[in-house]
N, C-alpha and C. Protein backbone atom coordinates (compact mmCIF):
# COMPACT_ATOMS: atom_id res chain seq x y z
N MET A 1 -4.04 -23.88 24.60
CA MET A 1 -3.99 -23.93 23.14
C MET A 1 -3.45 -22.61 22.64
N LEU A 2 -2.91 -22.63 21.18
CA LEU A 2 -2.15 -21.66 21.01
C LEU A 2 -3.21 -20.76 20.14
N THR A 3 -3.17 -19.51 20.07
CA THR A 3 -3.82 -18.68 19.21
C THR A 3 -3.77 -18.55 18.12
N TRP A 4 -4.32 -18.21 17.23
CA TRP A 4 -4.03 -18.16 15.62
C TRP A 4 -2.75 -17.14 15.41
N GLN A 5 -2.53 -16.20 16.26
CA GLN A 5 -1.71 -15.40 15.76
C GLN A 5 -0.10 -16.12 16.27
N GLN A 6 -0.30 -16.85 17.32
CA GLN A 6 0.83 -17.56 17.84
C GLN A 6 1.25 -18.70 16.78
N GLN A 7 0.08 -19.20 16.22
CA GLN A 7 0.36 -20.64 15.24
C GLN A 7 1.28 -19.90 14.10
N ILE A 8 0.67 -18.69 13.55
CA ILE A 8 1.35 -18.03 12.53
C ILE A 8 2.95 -17.88 12.85
N LEU A 9 3.02 -17.17 13.89
CA LEU A 9 4.46 -16.82 14.52
C LEU A 9 5.40 -18.15 14.71
N ASP A 10 4.79 -19.26 15.20
CA ASP A 10 5.55 -20.28 15.40
C ASP A 10 5.78 -21.28 14.26
N ASN A 11 4.80 -21.30 13.35
CA ASN A 11 4.78 -22.40 12.05
C ASN A 11 5.18 -21.70 10.87
N LEU A 12 5.14 -20.27 10.82
CA LEU A 12 5.63 -19.75 9.59
C LEU A 12 6.76 -18.59 9.74
N GLN A 13 6.58 -17.71 10.57
CA GLN A 13 7.74 -16.69 10.71
C GLN A 13 8.88 -17.44 11.24
N VAL A 14 8.84 -18.32 12.14
CA VAL A 14 10.00 -18.90 12.91
C VAL A 14 10.67 -19.82 11.87
N ARG A 15 9.96 -20.31 10.85
CA ARG A 15 10.73 -21.11 9.96
C ARG A 15 11.03 -20.30 8.79
N GLY A 16 10.76 -19.08 8.74
CA GLY A 16 11.32 -18.11 7.38
C GLY A 16 10.50 -18.28 6.59
N LEU A 17 9.18 -18.64 6.61
CA LEU A 17 8.29 -18.62 5.54
C LEU A 17 7.60 -17.47 5.04
N ILE A 18 7.65 -16.62 6.50
CA ILE A 18 7.14 -15.29 6.06
C ILE A 18 8.02 -14.26 6.91
N SER A 19 8.01 -13.07 6.66
CA SER A 19 8.69 -12.06 7.37
C SER A 19 8.12 -11.57 8.37
N PRO A 20 8.84 -10.92 9.56
CA PRO A 20 7.98 -10.21 10.59
C PRO A 20 6.99 -9.21 10.22
N GLU A 21 7.36 -8.66 8.81
CA GLU A 21 6.45 -7.15 8.34
C GLU A 21 4.91 -7.81 7.87
N ASP A 22 5.14 -9.32 7.60
CA ASP A 22 3.87 -9.98 6.94
C ASP A 22 2.84 -10.04 7.95
N THR A 23 3.14 -10.15 9.24
CA THR A 23 2.13 -10.07 10.26
C THR A 23 1.34 -8.67 10.27
N GLN A 24 1.80 -7.68 9.59
CA GLN A 24 0.85 -6.61 9.62
C GLN A 24 -0.12 -6.28 8.40
N LEU A 25 -0.06 -7.66 7.61
CA LEU A 25 -0.90 -7.46 6.38
C LEU A 25 -2.33 -7.88 6.94
N TYR A 26 -2.67 -8.08 8.03
CA TYR A 26 -3.86 -8.44 8.95
C TYR A 26 -4.08 -7.72 10.12
N THR A 27 -5.24 -7.60 10.64
CA THR A 27 -5.52 -7.08 11.97
C THR A 27 -6.50 -8.04 12.45
N ILE A 28 -5.97 -8.48 13.61
CA ILE A 28 -7.23 -9.51 14.28
C ILE A 28 -8.33 -8.40 15.55
N THR A 29 -9.39 -8.38 15.25
CA THR A 29 -10.27 -7.75 15.99
C THR A 29 -11.71 -8.46 16.10
N ASN A 30 -12.47 -7.96 17.30
CA ASN A 30 -13.76 -8.45 17.20
C ASN A 30 -14.44 -7.15 17.20
N ASN A 31 -14.12 -6.07 16.91
CA ASN A 31 -14.59 -4.89 16.95
C ASN A 31 -15.07 -4.41 15.92
N LEU A 32 -16.25 -4.25 15.62
CA LEU A 32 -16.69 -3.76 14.37
C LEU A 32 -16.44 -2.02 14.04
N ASP A 33 -16.28 -1.26 14.74
CA ASP A 33 -15.94 -0.06 14.54
C ASP A 33 -14.54 -0.02 14.50
N ASN A 34 -13.74 -0.69 14.90
CA ASN A 34 -12.21 -0.87 14.73
C ASN A 34 -12.02 -1.24 13.11
N ALA A 35 -12.76 -2.27 12.82
CA ALA A 35 -12.53 -2.93 11.38
C ALA A 35 -12.70 -2.11 10.57
N CYS A 36 -13.95 -1.38 10.67
CA CYS A 36 -14.40 -0.26 9.66
C CYS A 36 -13.25 0.71 9.60
N GLU A 37 -12.68 1.31 10.63
CA GLU A 37 -11.68 2.30 10.72
C GLU A 37 -10.61 1.95 9.72
N ILE A 38 -10.21 0.54 10.43
CA ILE A 38 -8.76 -0.05 9.35
C ILE A 38 -9.22 0.18 7.89
N ILE A 39 -10.23 -0.30 7.48
CA ILE A 39 -10.45 -0.43 5.97
C ILE A 39 -10.62 0.84 5.53
N GLN A 40 -11.34 2.03 6.15
CA GLN A 40 -11.46 3.52 5.74
C GLN A 40 -10.01 4.01 5.74
N ASN A 41 -9.17 3.84 6.68
CA ASN A 41 -7.91 4.41 6.67
C ASN A 41 -6.77 3.65 5.48
N PHE A 42 -7.03 2.35 5.39
CA PHE A 42 -6.43 1.88 4.17
C PHE A 42 -6.62 2.59 2.95
N TYR A 43 -7.85 3.10 2.76
CA TYR A 43 -8.29 3.71 1.42
C TYR A 43 -8.28 5.22 1.61
N LYS A 44 -7.83 5.84 2.41
CA LYS A 44 -7.80 7.18 2.72
C LYS A 44 -7.05 7.89 1.71
N ILE A 45 -5.73 7.54 1.20
CA ILE A 45 -5.29 8.14 -0.01
C ILE A 45 -5.01 7.19 -0.86
N TYR A 46 -4.55 5.83 -0.64
CA TYR A 46 -4.26 4.72 -1.23
C TYR A 46 -5.61 4.36 -1.92
N HIS A 47 -5.86 4.11 -3.27
CA HIS A 47 -7.08 3.67 -4.07
C HIS A 47 -7.05 2.38 -4.45
N SER A 48 -5.75 1.84 -5.33
CA SER A 48 -5.70 0.82 -5.95
C SER A 48 -4.26 0.43 -6.50
N SER A 49 -4.03 -0.72 -6.96
CA SER A 49 -2.80 -0.98 -7.76
C SER A 49 -3.12 -1.93 -8.75
N ARG A 50 -2.07 -1.95 -9.54
CA ARG A 50 -1.92 -3.23 -10.64
C ARG A 50 -0.56 -3.12 -11.17
N TYR A 51 -0.24 -3.97 -11.94
CA TYR A 51 1.13 -4.08 -12.66
C TYR A 51 0.49 -3.47 -14.09
N VAL A 52 1.61 -2.62 -14.72
CA VAL A 52 1.33 -2.24 -16.13
C VAL A 52 3.19 -2.73 -16.77
N GLY A 53 3.20 -3.76 -17.17
CA GLY A 53 4.24 -4.40 -17.51
C GLY A 53 5.20 -4.65 -16.43
N GLU A 54 6.56 -4.34 -16.30
CA GLU A 54 6.91 -4.65 -14.91
C GLU A 54 6.86 -3.12 -14.02
N LEU A 55 6.35 -2.45 -14.20
CA LEU A 55 6.00 -1.33 -12.91
C LEU A 55 4.86 -1.60 -12.13
N PHE A 56 4.93 -1.60 -11.10
CA PHE A 56 3.80 -1.52 -10.16
C PHE A 56 3.42 0.00 -10.27
N VAL A 57 1.96 0.11 -10.41
CA VAL A 57 1.29 1.23 -10.37
C VAL A 57 0.41 1.17 -9.23
N MET A 58 0.71 2.27 -8.45
CA MET A 58 -0.10 2.57 -7.19
C MET A 58 -1.23 3.70 -7.69
N ARG A 59 -2.39 3.67 -7.70
CA ARG A 59 -3.38 4.66 -7.94
C ARG A 59 -3.92 5.45 -6.68
N LEU A 60 -4.03 6.80 -6.54
CA LEU A 60 -4.03 7.47 -5.42
C LEU A 60 -5.15 8.49 -5.35
N ASN A 61 -5.83 8.60 -4.31
CA ASN A 61 -6.79 9.49 -4.28
C ASN A 61 -6.55 10.98 -4.12
N GLN A 62 -5.34 11.38 -4.02
CA GLN A 62 -4.62 12.60 -4.22
C GLN A 62 -3.24 12.52 -4.44
N GLU A 63 -2.57 13.45 -5.33
CA GLU A 63 -1.28 13.57 -5.54
C GLU A 63 -0.27 13.92 -4.27
N LEU A 64 1.00 13.19 -4.32
CA LEU A 64 1.80 13.17 -3.10
C LEU A 64 2.81 14.35 -3.65
N THR A 65 3.35 15.22 -2.38
CA THR A 65 4.20 16.15 -2.69
C THR A 65 5.49 15.50 -3.26
N ASP A 66 6.34 16.24 -3.70
CA ASP A 66 7.87 15.75 -4.19
C ASP A 66 8.45 15.38 -2.83
N GLU A 67 8.14 16.22 -1.69
CA GLU A 67 8.69 15.92 -0.25
C GLU A 67 8.59 14.56 0.33
N GLN A 68 7.18 14.22 -0.06
CA GLN A 68 6.54 12.77 0.53
C GLN A 68 7.20 11.99 -0.56
N VAL A 69 7.46 11.95 -1.59
CA VAL A 69 7.76 11.04 -2.30
C VAL A 69 9.38 10.68 -1.97
N GLU A 70 9.99 11.83 -1.81
CA GLU A 70 11.55 11.58 -1.25
C GLU A 70 11.41 10.81 -0.01
N LEU A 71 10.49 11.14 0.93
CA LEU A 71 10.54 10.35 1.99
C LEU A 71 10.24 8.85 1.88
N LEU A 72 9.41 8.68 0.87
CA LEU A 72 9.23 7.12 0.63
C LEU A 72 10.36 6.51 0.04
N ASN A 73 11.20 7.34 -0.86
CA ASN A 73 12.47 6.57 -1.43
C ASN A 73 13.56 6.62 -0.19
N ASP A 74 13.34 7.39 0.76
CA ASP A 74 14.40 7.44 1.73
C ASP A 74 14.04 5.87 2.75
N LYS A 75 12.52 5.70 2.98
CA LYS A 75 12.44 4.81 3.81
C LYS A 75 11.99 3.13 3.35
N PHE A 76 11.86 3.31 2.14
CA PHE A 76 11.05 2.07 1.52
C PHE A 76 12.00 1.73 0.26
N SER A 77 13.22 1.87 -0.10
CA SER A 77 14.11 1.75 -1.16
C SER A 77 14.22 0.24 -1.27
N ASP A 78 14.24 -0.52 0.19
CA ASP A 78 14.50 -1.86 0.09
C ASP A 78 13.47 -2.71 -0.57
N ILE A 79 12.49 -2.33 -1.08
CA ILE A 79 11.33 -2.95 -1.55
C ILE A 79 11.52 -2.90 -3.54
N LEU A 80 12.31 -2.14 -3.71
CA LEU A 80 12.62 -1.71 -5.20
C LEU A 80 13.54 -2.56 -5.65
N VAL A 81 13.23 -3.12 -6.93
CA VAL A 81 14.30 -4.08 -7.87
C VAL A 81 15.19 -3.09 -8.45
N SER A 82 14.79 -1.83 -8.78
CA SER A 82 15.58 -0.74 -9.43
C SER A 82 14.95 0.64 -9.40
N GLY A 83 15.63 1.55 -9.73
CA GLY A 83 15.14 2.78 -9.65
C GLY A 83 14.69 3.59 -8.47
N LYS A 84 13.53 4.08 -8.45
CA LYS A 84 13.00 4.85 -7.22
C LYS A 84 11.58 5.14 -7.48
N PHE A 85 10.64 5.56 -6.39
CA PHE A 85 9.43 5.86 -6.39
C PHE A 85 9.29 7.28 -7.11
N GLU A 86 8.39 7.20 -8.07
CA GLU A 86 8.11 8.25 -8.98
C GLU A 86 6.51 8.36 -9.26
N LYS A 87 6.35 9.93 -9.07
CA LYS A 87 4.97 10.21 -9.42
C LYS A 87 4.59 10.13 -10.87
N SER A 88 3.50 10.03 -11.57
CA SER A 88 3.16 9.75 -12.66
C SER A 88 1.66 10.08 -12.91
N LYS A 89 1.37 10.28 -14.13
CA LYS A 89 -0.29 10.15 -14.39
C LYS A 89 -0.30 8.94 -14.88
N ALA A 90 -1.51 8.71 -15.69
CA ALA A 90 -1.84 7.25 -16.06
C ALA A 90 -0.97 6.89 -17.23
N LEU A 91 -0.56 5.76 -17.29
CA LEU A 91 0.52 5.40 -18.08
C LEU A 91 -0.54 5.23 -19.67
N PRO A 92 0.46 5.07 -20.64
CA PRO A 92 -0.46 4.97 -22.01
C PRO A 92 -1.40 3.49 -22.16
N LYS A 93 -0.56 2.74 -21.45
CA LYS A 93 -1.41 1.26 -21.38
C LYS A 93 -2.94 1.57 -20.68
N GLU A 94 -2.72 2.29 -19.94
CA GLU A 94 -4.01 2.84 -19.05
C GLU A 94 -5.09 3.66 -19.61
N ALA A 95 -4.92 3.77 -20.97
CA ALA A 95 -5.77 4.78 -21.66
C ALA A 95 -7.29 4.45 -21.42
N ASN A 96 -7.70 3.37 -21.15
CA ASN A 96 -9.12 2.87 -21.17
C ASN A 96 -9.26 2.74 -19.73
N ASP A 97 -8.62 3.06 -18.66
CA ASP A 97 -8.85 2.69 -17.47
C ASP A 97 -9.90 3.68 -16.88
N ALA A 98 -10.51 3.07 -16.11
CA ALA A 98 -11.37 4.11 -15.25
C ALA A 98 -10.97 4.85 -14.57
N THR A 99 -9.86 4.40 -13.76
CA THR A 99 -9.27 5.36 -12.64
C THR A 99 -8.30 6.25 -13.47
N ILE A 100 -8.37 6.62 -14.88
CA ILE A 100 -7.48 7.53 -15.51
C ILE A 100 -7.19 8.87 -15.05
N HIS A 101 -8.08 9.25 -14.14
CA HIS A 101 -7.88 10.70 -13.60
C HIS A 101 -7.22 10.58 -12.28
N LEU A 102 -6.85 9.49 -11.96
CA LEU A 102 -6.03 9.48 -10.56
C LEU A 102 -4.53 9.70 -10.59
N PRO A 103 -4.05 10.23 -9.60
CA PRO A 103 -2.53 10.24 -9.83
C PRO A 103 -1.84 9.01 -9.37
N ARG A 104 -0.72 8.63 -9.67
CA ARG A 104 -0.04 7.40 -9.60
C ARG A 104 1.35 7.69 -8.85
N LEU A 105 1.84 6.70 -8.22
CA LEU A 105 3.13 6.51 -7.75
C LEU A 105 3.42 5.16 -8.46
N VAL A 106 4.63 5.20 -9.12
CA VAL A 106 5.29 4.00 -9.79
C VAL A 106 6.46 3.74 -9.50
N PHE A 107 6.71 2.34 -9.49
CA PHE A 107 8.03 1.80 -9.07
C PHE A 107 8.24 0.32 -9.45
N HIS A 108 9.34 -0.19 -9.46
CA HIS A 108 9.92 -1.53 -9.69
C HIS A 108 9.68 -2.22 -8.49
N PHE A 109 8.51 -2.70 -8.14
CA PHE A 109 8.31 -3.62 -6.82
C PHE A 109 9.07 -5.30 -7.03
N ASN A 110 9.78 -5.37 -5.89
CA ASN A 110 10.40 -6.77 -5.80
C ASN A 110 9.47 -7.87 -5.88
N GLN A 111 8.15 -7.90 -5.72
CA GLN A 111 7.27 -8.65 -5.57
C GLN A 111 7.69 -9.75 -4.72
N ARG A 112 8.10 -9.28 -3.32
CA ARG A 112 8.48 -10.20 -2.43
C ARG A 112 8.10 -9.81 -0.83
N ASN A 113 8.37 -8.68 -0.70
CA ASN A 113 7.98 -7.93 0.66
C ASN A 113 6.58 -7.17 0.73
N PHE A 114 5.68 -8.06 0.76
CA PHE A 114 4.36 -7.47 0.74
C PHE A 114 3.92 -6.99 2.01
N GLY A 115 4.69 -7.57 3.02
CA GLY A 115 4.58 -6.69 4.66
C GLY A 115 4.70 -5.26 4.48
N ARG A 116 6.11 -5.14 3.83
CA ARG A 116 6.64 -3.74 3.43
C ARG A 116 5.82 -2.87 2.62
N LEU A 117 5.25 -3.60 1.55
CA LEU A 117 4.46 -2.86 0.62
C LEU A 117 3.23 -2.45 1.46
N TYR A 118 2.78 -3.09 2.46
CA TYR A 118 1.51 -2.92 3.12
C TYR A 118 2.12 -1.61 4.22
N GLU A 119 3.35 -1.57 4.56
CA GLU A 119 3.69 -0.49 5.42
C GLU A 119 3.99 0.81 4.55
N LEU A 120 4.15 0.66 3.22
CA LEU A 120 4.10 1.76 2.48
C LEU A 120 2.79 2.31 2.23
N ILE A 121 1.94 1.67 1.97
CA ILE A 121 0.60 2.13 1.88
C ILE A 121 0.03 2.85 3.05
N ASN A 122 0.35 2.21 4.23
CA ASN A 122 0.13 2.84 5.61
C ASN A 122 0.76 4.40 5.79
N GLN A 123 1.87 4.31 5.30
CA GLN A 123 3.10 5.78 5.18
C GLN A 123 2.05 6.73 4.43
N ILE A 124 1.86 6.04 3.16
CA ILE A 124 1.15 7.09 2.20
C ILE A 124 -0.24 7.68 2.91
N ASN A 125 -1.00 6.65 3.30
CA ASN A 125 -2.01 7.16 3.94
C ASN A 125 -2.11 8.02 5.20
N GLN A 126 -0.70 8.22 5.86
CA GLN A 126 -0.43 9.15 6.90
C GLN A 126 -0.31 10.79 6.47
N CYS A 127 0.03 10.73 4.90
CA CYS A 127 0.37 11.98 4.42
C CYS A 127 -0.90 12.82 4.57
N GLU A 128 -0.32 14.06 4.94
CA GLU A 128 -1.47 15.44 5.17
C GLU A 128 -2.16 15.35 3.52
N ALA A 129 -3.45 15.51 3.89
CA ALA A 129 -4.34 15.71 2.67
C ALA A 129 -4.79 17.37 2.67
N SER A 130 -4.29 17.80 1.34
CA SER A 130 -4.66 19.33 1.49
C SER A 130 -6.06 19.54 1.25
N CYS A 131 -6.65 18.83 0.20
CA CYS A 131 -8.23 18.95 0.22
C CYS A 131 -8.80 17.32 0.27
N PHE A 132 -8.95 16.98 1.31
CA PHE A 132 -9.56 15.35 1.54
C PHE A 132 -10.74 15.47 1.32
N VAL A 133 -11.61 14.41 0.52
CA VAL A 133 -12.92 14.02 0.62
C VAL A 133 -12.93 12.79 1.34
N LYS A 134 -13.74 12.75 2.12
CA LYS A 134 -13.91 11.32 2.71
C LYS A 134 -14.09 10.12 2.07
N PRO A 135 -13.19 9.17 2.23
CA PRO A 135 -13.35 7.91 0.98
C PRO A 135 -14.54 7.15 1.45
N HIS A 136 -15.04 6.37 0.28
CA HIS A 136 -15.99 5.40 0.25
C HIS A 136 -15.67 4.10 -0.30
N PRO A 137 -14.49 3.28 0.56
CA PRO A 137 -14.24 2.16 -0.08
C PRO A 137 -15.34 1.05 -0.67
N GLU A 138 -16.74 1.26 0.14
CA GLU A 138 -17.34 0.53 -0.27
C GLU A 138 -18.00 0.73 -1.77
N LEU A 139 -17.92 1.93 -2.18
CA LEU A 139 -18.35 2.22 -3.67
C LEU A 139 -17.17 1.71 -4.77
N LYS A 140 -16.18 1.20 -4.20
CA LYS A 140 -14.88 0.95 -5.13
C LYS A 140 -15.53 -0.28 -6.06
């Protein structure tokens, strides 16, 4: 009997319906502590995201340095339709947003490479936190 993971690879990835990076969108575990750690790490710096017009706006729990943004531009330019990753404050259309105080990373996402977007979030979450407060994703 094939595992669920093998079914995904044989029926979706081999046929080109998903990219190899898409398998990183999920984690298979039967360990509660591992699952909790994965969720906490996902929200370590990344907070949430949305579209504002054609811009993909990623809200962050802390501002990235210019050097960190340059690293993202070097490593993840393949998911951009145009332009580059840029730091931003809340955009005018977000004036009434409850997360207006959070720093942003804005870019023109190609709306196709979600596995790579997940890799981008993981890279952001590995950035050093200068004054990091333990996240509480359950309060989100």
